[in-house]
C-alpha atoms as a PDB file:
ATOM      1  CA  UNK A   1     115.026  31.783  34.002  1.00  0.00           C
ATOM      2  CA  UNK A   2     116.419  28.318  33.402  1.00  0.00           C
ATOM      3  CA  UNK A   3     116.583  26.336  30.180  1.00  0.00           C
ATOM      4  CA  UNK A   4     117.544  22.670  30.118  1.00  0.00           C
ATOM      5  CA  UNK A   5     119.158  21.275  26.970  1.00  0.00           C
ATOM      6  CA  UNK A   6     119.126  17.486  27.079  1.00  0.00           C
ATOM      7  CA  UNK A   7     120.794  16.964  23.701  1.00  0.00           C
ATOM      8  CA  UNK A   8     122.238  18.890  20.780  1.00  0.00           C
ATOM      9  CA  UNK A   9     119.021  18.170  18.870  1.00  0.00           C
ATOM     10  CA  UNK A  10     117.209  20.482  21.320  1.00  0.00           C
ATOM     11  CA  UNK A  11     119.566  23.429  20.974  1.00  0.00           C
ATOM     12  CA  UNK A  12     117.505  25.372  18.424  1.00  0.00           C
ATOM     13  CA  UNK A  13     114.400  25.084  20.578  1.00  0.00           C
ATOM     14  CA  UNK A  14     116.405  26.217  23.629  1.00  0.00           C
ATOM     15  CA  UNK A  15     117.915  29.098  21.651  1.00  0.00           C
ATOM     16  CA  UNK A  16     114.458  30.247  20.563  1.00  0.00           C
ATOM     17  CA  UNK A  17     113.312  30.131  24.181  1.00  0.00           C
ATOM     18  CA  UNK A  18     116.317  32.313  25.086  1.00  0.00           C
ATOM     19  CA  UNK A  19     115.501  34.778  22.265  1.00  0.00           C
ATOM     20  CA  UNK A  20     111.896  34.952  23.480  1.00  0.00           C
ATOM     21  CA  UNK A  21     113.180  35.951  26.946  1.00  0.00           C
ATOM     22  CA  UNK A  22     115.791  38.516  25.795  1.00  0.00           C
ATOM     23  CA  UNK A  23     113.308  41.378  25.928  1.00  0.00           C
ATOM     24  CA  UNK A  24     114.915  44.790  25.434  1.00  0.00           C
ATOM     25  CA  UNK A  25     118.255  43.591  26.806  1.00  0.00           C
ATOM     26  CA  UNK A  26     121.205  43.922  24.431  1.00  0.00           C
ATOM     27  CA  UNK A  27     124.241  42.863  26.484  1.00  0.00           C
ATOM     28  CA  UNK A  28     124.752  39.238  27.492  1.00  0.00           C
ATOM     29  CA  UNK A  29     127.760  37.792  29.330  1.00  0.00           C
ATOM     30  CA  UNK A  30     128.179  34.021  29.058  1.00  0.00           C
ATOM     31  CA  UNK A  31     129.895  32.207  31.919  1.00  0.00           C
ATOM     32  CA  UNK A  32     130.888  28.555  31.883  1.00  0.00           C
ATOM     33  CA  UNK A  33     133.845  26.226  31.916  1.00  0.00           C
ATOM     34  CA  UNK A  34     135.816  25.443  28.787  1.00  0.00           C
ATOM     35  CA  UNK A  35     133.667  23.076  26.727  1.00  0.00           C
ATOM     36  CA  UNK A  36     130.407  23.983  28.500  1.00  0.00           C
ATOM     37  CA  UNK A  37     128.834  25.005  25.190  1.00  0.00           C
ATOM     38  CA  UNK A  38     128.970  28.801  25.254  1.00  0.00           C
ATOM     39  CA  UNK A  39     129.938  29.201  21.592  1.00  0.00           C
ATOM     40  CA  UNK A  40     127.540  26.480  20.456  1.00  0.00           C
ATOM     41  CA  UNK A  41     124.650  28.114  22.286  1.00  0.00           C
ATOM     42  CA  UNK A  42     125.520  31.615  21.028  1.00  0.00           C
ATOM     43  CA  UNK A  43     125.675  30.218  17.491  1.00  0.00           C
ATOM     44  CA  UNK A  44     122.179  28.738  17.886  1.00  0.00           C
ATOM     45  CA  UNK A  45     120.837  32.001  19.337  1.00  0.00           C
ATOM     46  CA  UNK A  46     122.337  33.978  16.442  1.00  0.00           C
ATOM     47  CA  UNK A  47     120.701  31.598  13.968  1.00  0.00           C
ATOM     48  CA  UNK A  48     117.345  32.150  15.693  1.00  0.00           C
ATOM     49  CA  UNK A  49     117.943  35.900  15.290  1.00  0.00           C
ATOM     50  CA  UNK A  50     118.327  35.386  11.528  1.00  0.00           C
ATOM     51  CA  UNK A  51     122.114  35.351  11.151  1.00  0.00           C
ATOM     52  CA  UNK A  52     123.107  33.511   7.968  1.00  0.00           C
ATOM     53  CA  UNK A  53     126.868  34.193   8.202  1.00  0.00           C
ATOM     54  CA  UNK A  54     129.259  31.515   9.386  1.00  0.00           C
ATOM     55  CA  UNK A  55     129.263  31.805  13.171  1.00  0.00           C
ATOM     56  CA  UNK A  56     132.357  30.749  15.066  1.00  0.00           C
ATOM     57  CA  UNK A  57     134.283  31.735  18.140  1.00  0.00           C
ATOM     58  CA  UNK A  58     136.196  34.995  17.803  1.00  0.00           C
ATOM     59  CA  UNK A  59     138.989  33.651  20.038  1.00  0.00           C
ATOM     60  CA  UNK A  60     141.803  35.190  18.008  1.00  0.00           C
ATOM     61  CA  UNK A  61     139.930  38.186  16.565  1.00  0.00           C
ATOM     62  CA  UNK A  62     138.332  38.935  19.980  1.00  0.00           C
ATOM     63  CA  UNK A  63     135.155  40.182  18.251  1.00  0.00           C
ATOM     64  CA  UNK A  64     133.120  38.940  15.283  1.00  0.00           C
ATOM     65  CA  UNK A  65     130.298  40.885  13.698  1.00  0.00           C
ATOM     66  CA  UNK A  66     127.233  39.193  12.214  1.00  0.00           C
ATOM     67  CA  UNK A  67     124.066  40.658  10.737  1.00  0.00           C
ATOM     68  CA  UNK A  68     120.698  39.522  12.059  1.00  0.00           C
ATOM     69  CA  UNK A  69     117.640  38.888   9.889  1.00  0.00           C
ATOM     70  CA  UNK A  70     116.899  42.626   9.794  1.00  0.00           C
ATOM     71  CA  UNK A  71     120.435  43.659   8.847  1.00  0.00           C
ATOM     72  CA  UNK A  72     121.359  44.849  12.354  1.00  0.00           C
ATOM     73  CA  UNK A  73     124.818  44.004  13.722  1.00  0.00           C
ATOM     74  CA  UNK A  74     125.326  41.435  16.448  1.00  0.00           C
ATOM     75  CA  UNK A  75     128.716  41.505  18.154  1.00  0.00           C
ATOM     76  CA  UNK A  76     130.196  38.284  19.510  1.00  0.00           C
ATOM     77  CA  UNK A  77     133.178  38.687  21.836  1.00  0.00           C
ATOM     78  CA  UNK A  78     135.558  36.078  23.194  1.00  0.00           C
ATOM     79  CA  UNK A  79     137.843  37.533  25.858  1.00  0.00           C
ATOM     80  CA  UNK A  80     139.743  34.288  26.479  1.00  0.00           C
ATOM     81  CA  UNK A  81     142.987  35.697  25.054  1.00  0.00           C
ATOM     82  CA  UNK A  82     142.780  39.064  26.861  1.00  0.00           C
ATOM     83  CA  UNK A  83     145.910  39.479  28.969  1.00  0.00           C
ATOM     84  CA  UNK A  84     144.700  42.461  30.994  1.00  0.00           C
ATOM     85  CA  UNK A  85     141.190  43.932  31.285  1.00  0.00           C
ATOM     86  CA  UNK A  86     142.164  47.339  29.865  1.00  0.00           C
ATOM     87  CA  UNK A  87     142.901  45.677  26.497  1.00  0.00           C
ATOM     88  CA  UNK A  88     139.169  45.831  25.736  1.00  0.00           C
ATOM     89  CA  UNK A  89     139.463  49.607  25.425  1.00  0.00           C
ATOM     90  CA  UNK A  90     142.010  49.128  22.630  1.00  0.00           C
ATOM     91  CA  UNK A  91     139.390  47.327  20.518  1.00  0.00           C
ATOM     92  CA  UNK A  92     136.745  50.010  21.049  1.00  0.00           C
ATOM     93  CA  UNK A  93     134.670  47.964  23.492  1.00  0.00           C
ATOM     94  CA  UNK A  94     132.788  51.024  24.770  1.00  0.00           C
ATOM     95  CA  UNK A  95     131.614  51.785  21.230  1.00  0.00           C
ATOM     96  CA  UNK A  96     130.348  48.232  20.729  1.00  0.00           C
ATOM     97  CA  UNK A  97     128.408  48.032  23.998  1.00  0.00           C
ATOM     98  CA  UNK A  98     127.102  51.561  23.561  1.00  0.00           C
ATOM     99  CA  UNK A  99     125.864  50.898  20.029  1.00  0.00           C
ATOM    100  CA  UNK A 100     122.417  49.571  21.035  1.00  0.00           C
ATOM    101  CA  UNK A 101     123.264  46.368  19.160  1.00  0.00           C
ATOM    102  CA  UNK A 102     123.134  42.901  20.686  1.00  0.00           C
ATOM    103  CA  UNK A 103     126.466  41.855  22.207  1.00  0.00           C
ATOM    104  CA  UNK A 104     127.242  38.299  23.277  1.00  0.00           C
ATOM    105  CA  UNK A 105     130.383  38.011  25.417  1.00  0.00           C
ATOM    106  CA  UNK A 106     132.308  34.854  26.291  1.00  0.00           C
ATOM    107  CA  UNK A 107     134.786  34.814  29.205  1.00  0.00           C
ATOM    108  CA  UNK A 108     133.464  38.146  30.605  1.00  0.00           C
ATOM    109  CA  UNK A 109     135.158  37.464  33.940  1.00  0.00           C
ATOM    110  CA  UNK A 110     138.435  38.418  32.240  1.00  0.00           C
ATOM    111  CA  UNK A 111     137.382  42.031  31.624  1.00  0.00           C
ATOM    112  CA  UNK A 112     136.305  42.739  35.192  1.00  0.00           C
ATOM    113  CA  UNK A 113     135.053  46.248  35.821  1.00  0.00           C
ATOM    114  CA  UNK A 114     134.659  47.007  32.096  1.00  0.00           C
ATOM    115  CA  UNK A 115     131.537  44.856  31.896  1.00  0.00           C
ATOM    116  CA  UNK A 116     128.552  47.266  31.817  1.00  0.00           C
ATOM    117  CA  UNK A 117     126.249  47.116  34.832  1.00  0.00           C
ATOM    118  CA  UNK A 118     123.151  46.345  32.724  1.00  0.00           C
ATOM    119  CA  UNK A 119     124.717  43.192  31.253  1.00  0.00           C
ATOM    120  CA  UNK A 120     122.567  40.055  31.640  1.00  0.00           C
ATOM    121  CA  UNK A 121     124.650  37.260  33.140  1.00  0.00           C
ATOM    122  CA  UNK A 122     124.097  33.865  31.503  1.00  0.00           C
ATOM    123  CA  UNK A 123     125.515  30.733  33.117  1.00  0.00           C
ATOM    124  CA  UNK A 124     125.945  27.501  31.148  1.00  0.00           C
ATOM    125  CA  UNK A 125     126.714  24.395  33.129  1.00  0.00           C
ATOM    126  CA  UNK A 126     127.303  20.863  31.906  1.00  0.00           C
ATOM    127  CA  UNK A 127     125.655  18.316  34.165  1.00  0.00           C
ATOM    128  CA  UNK A 128     126.944  14.803  34.903  1.00  0.00           C
ATOM    129  CA  UNK A 129     124.398  13.285  32.500  1.00  0.00           C
ATOM    130  CA  UNK A 130     125.726  15.469  29.655  1.00  0.00           C
ATOM    131  CA  UNK A 131     122.780  17.882  29.511  1.00  0.00           C
ATOM    132  CA  UNK A 132     123.359  21.625  29.735  1.00  0.00           C
ATOM    133  CA  UNK A 133     121.579  24.048  32.013  1.00  0.00           C
ATOM    134  CA  UNK A 134     121.373  27.687  30.892  1.00  0.00           C
ATOM    135  CA  UNK A 135     120.478  30.144  33.683  1.00  0.00           C
ATOM    136  CA  UNK A 136     120.016  33.888  33.361  1.00  0.00           C
END
């Protein structure tokens, strides 16, 4: 699946399209360069899922928890500050991904083999014209 976002004004529509395609999947790993729009897109997706909390990057906390429109937790990880992959075990990563709750993960390449096999890989790329392409 591929979603093209031509401008920030289209992000909610793109996020809804992503939500419509999530299916039964719960684990999503977001890949993209710094500034590609991973956090911005995850924020828009969370809003489409009914999150009313303030949504921001959990860069220093590593994980933020939000509640969706039905009161179910959504976990948002940012592994940018992880020094070694095994650190994710110290934060209870297995419990989060095994919880049957939606998990959005930024910088998943930094946790290597700890990323569950069933994780949907989402790639966000900024094009030369400034649009973003989301592939999963």
